[in-house]
Every structure is written in C-alpha cells, then in structure tokens.
Amino acid sequence: MTVAGKSATQPLEIVMDPRVKTSAADLQKQFDLLLKLRDRQEALNRAVLGIRDLRNQLQSIERRFASSDSAKSVVTSAADLRKKLTASKRN
C-alpha cells in the first residue's frame, strides 16, 4: 500500500470463512459450474448480437434495393428472413 508517498507491505493470507461448512471440493465444483454458466451466457450474448447485426444488414438491403426491379427477389428473401428472425424473437 502507498499513502502520501510512503509504501508498506504486509503478507496476506486468505482463509476459508469458518462459518462455511462446505467442503473445498464442493466449492470447486460450484466454481467450475459458475464458470461454465458464464461462458454459456457469453456465447448466448454473442449470438444475440450476431442476430441483431444480421437483421440490421437485411433491413439495409431492403432499403437499398427496394426500388430495383432486378433485385426484387433479393429484397423479398431478405424481408422473409428478417421476419423469421423477428418472429422467433417473440416466441
């Protein structure tokens, strides 16, 4: 620790709370499970962001080519896919 330009160090020992009666092995299992849950949540969040980005890209295609007769099938396909993505969000 440094305060007012003076530094001091002290060894620190971390010990289990004596009120906790859970074994170290069970705590490790709980910790491992929480890490897995965190990783799954992170993957889910990335997937949601990817779907949102895809929907925005599809909307952009629809707007950009809405008046083009030669791209009508592309616009229709983009709109259909965007609607499916939006519909699955509501279910």
Protein backbone atom coordinates (compact mmCIF):
# COMPACT_ATOMS: atom_id res chain seq x y z
CA MET A 1 0.00 0.00 0.00
CA THR A 2 1.22 3.51 -0.77
CA VAL A 3 -0.09 6.55 1.11
CA ALA A 4 1.35 10.05 0.98
CA GLY A 5 4.42 8.74 -0.81
CA LYS A 6 5.17 6.08 1.80
CA SER A 7 4.91 2.39 0.93
CA ALA A 8 4.24 -0.50 3.25
CA THR A 9 3.88 -4.20 2.53
CA GLN A 10 2.41 -6.94 4.65
CA PRO A 11 1.86 -10.62 3.86
CA LEU A 12 -1.76 -11.57 3.32
CA GLU A 13 -3.25 -14.98 3.97
CA ILE A 14 -6.71 -15.82 2.62
CA VAL A 15 -8.55 -18.43 4.66
CA MET A 16 -11.95 -20.05 4.46
CA ASP A 17 -14.74 -18.40 6.41
CA PRO A 18 -15.12 -20.65 9.47
CA ARG A 19 -18.91 -20.35 9.25
CA VAL A 20 -18.90 -22.07 5.84
CA LYS A 21 -19.28 -25.82 6.24
CA THR A 22 -18.98 -26.65 2.52
CA SER A 23 -16.01 -28.76 1.50
CA ALA A 24 -13.28 -27.36 -0.73
CA ALA A 25 -14.19 -29.96 -3.38
CA ASP A 26 -17.83 -28.83 -3.41
CA LEU A 27 -16.77 -25.20 -3.62
CA GLN A 28 -14.54 -26.08 -6.57
CA LYS A 29 -17.46 -27.84 -8.29
CA GLN A 30 -19.65 -24.79 -7.72
CA PHE A 31 -16.93 -22.51 -9.08
CA ASP A 32 -16.48 -24.70 -12.18
CA LEU A 33 -20.24 -24.71 -12.79
CA LEU A 34 -20.40 -20.93 -12.47
CA LEU A 35 -17.58 -20.59 -15.00
CA LYS A 36 -19.46 -22.82 -17.43
CA LEU A 37 -22.63 -20.78 -16.94
CA ARG A 38 -20.70 -17.57 -17.53
CA ASP A 39 -19.19 -18.96 -20.72
CA ARG A 40 -22.61 -20.12 -21.98
CA GLN A 41 -24.11 -16.72 -21.19
CA GLU A 42 -21.28 -15.03 -23.07
CA ALA A 43 -21.86 -17.29 -26.09
CA LEU A 44 -25.58 -16.54 -25.96
CA ASN A 45 -24.90 -12.81 -25.81
CA ARG A 46 -22.60 -13.05 -28.85
CA ALA A 47 -25.29 -14.99 -30.74
CA VAL A 48 -27.93 -12.37 -29.91
CA LEU A 49 -25.62 -9.60 -31.10
CA GLY A 50 -24.96 -11.54 -34.30
CA ILE A 51 -28.68 -11.95 -34.95
CA ARG A 52 -29.27 -8.25 -34.35
CA ASP A 53 -26.47 -7.38 -36.73
CA LEU A 54 -27.90 -9.73 -39.36
CA ARG A 55 -31.35 -8.16 -39.01
CA ASN A 56 -29.83 -4.70 -39.47
CA GLN A 57 -27.98 -5.87 -42.58
CA LEU A 58 -31.17 -7.35 -44.01
CA GLN A 59 -33.06 -4.11 -43.36
CA SER A 60 -30.28 -2.21 -45.10
CA ILE A 61 -30.55 -4.49 -48.15
CA GLU A 62 -34.31 -3.99 -48.21
CA ARG A 63 -33.98 -0.20 -48.09
CA ARG A 64 -31.10 -0.01 -50.56
CA PHE A 65 -32.68 -2.17 -53.25
CA ALA A 66 -36.40 -1.59 -52.60
CA SER A 67 -36.90 0.29 -55.86
CA SER A 68 -34.76 -2.03 -58.01
CA ASP A 69 -36.77 -4.46 -60.15
CA SER A 70 -33.69 -6.58 -60.86
CA ALA A 71 -33.09 -7.14 -57.12
CA LYS A 72 -36.72 -7.83 -56.24
CA SER A 73 -36.07 -11.48 -55.34
CA VAL A 74 -33.15 -10.49 -53.11
CA VAL A 75 -35.28 -7.89 -51.32
CA THR A 76 -38.09 -10.42 -50.86
CA SER A 77 -35.71 -13.04 -49.50
CA ALA A 78 -34.11 -10.52 -47.14
CA ALA A 79 -37.53 -9.42 -45.87
CA ASP A 80 -38.67 -13.03 -45.38
CA LEU A 81 -35.53 -13.95 -43.44
CA ARG A 82 -35.75 -10.81 -41.31
CA LYS A 83 -39.38 -11.59 -40.49
CA LYS A 84 -38.46 -15.14 -39.48
CA LEU A 85 -35.73 -13.81 -37.19
CA THR A 86 -38.13 -11.31 -35.67
CA ALA A 87 -40.89 -13.91 -35.27
CA SER A 88 -38.57 -16.31 -33.45
CA LYS A 89 -37.70 -13.48 -31.06
CA ARG A 90 -41.34 -13.24 -29.97
CA ASN A 91 -41.78 -16.99 -29.35
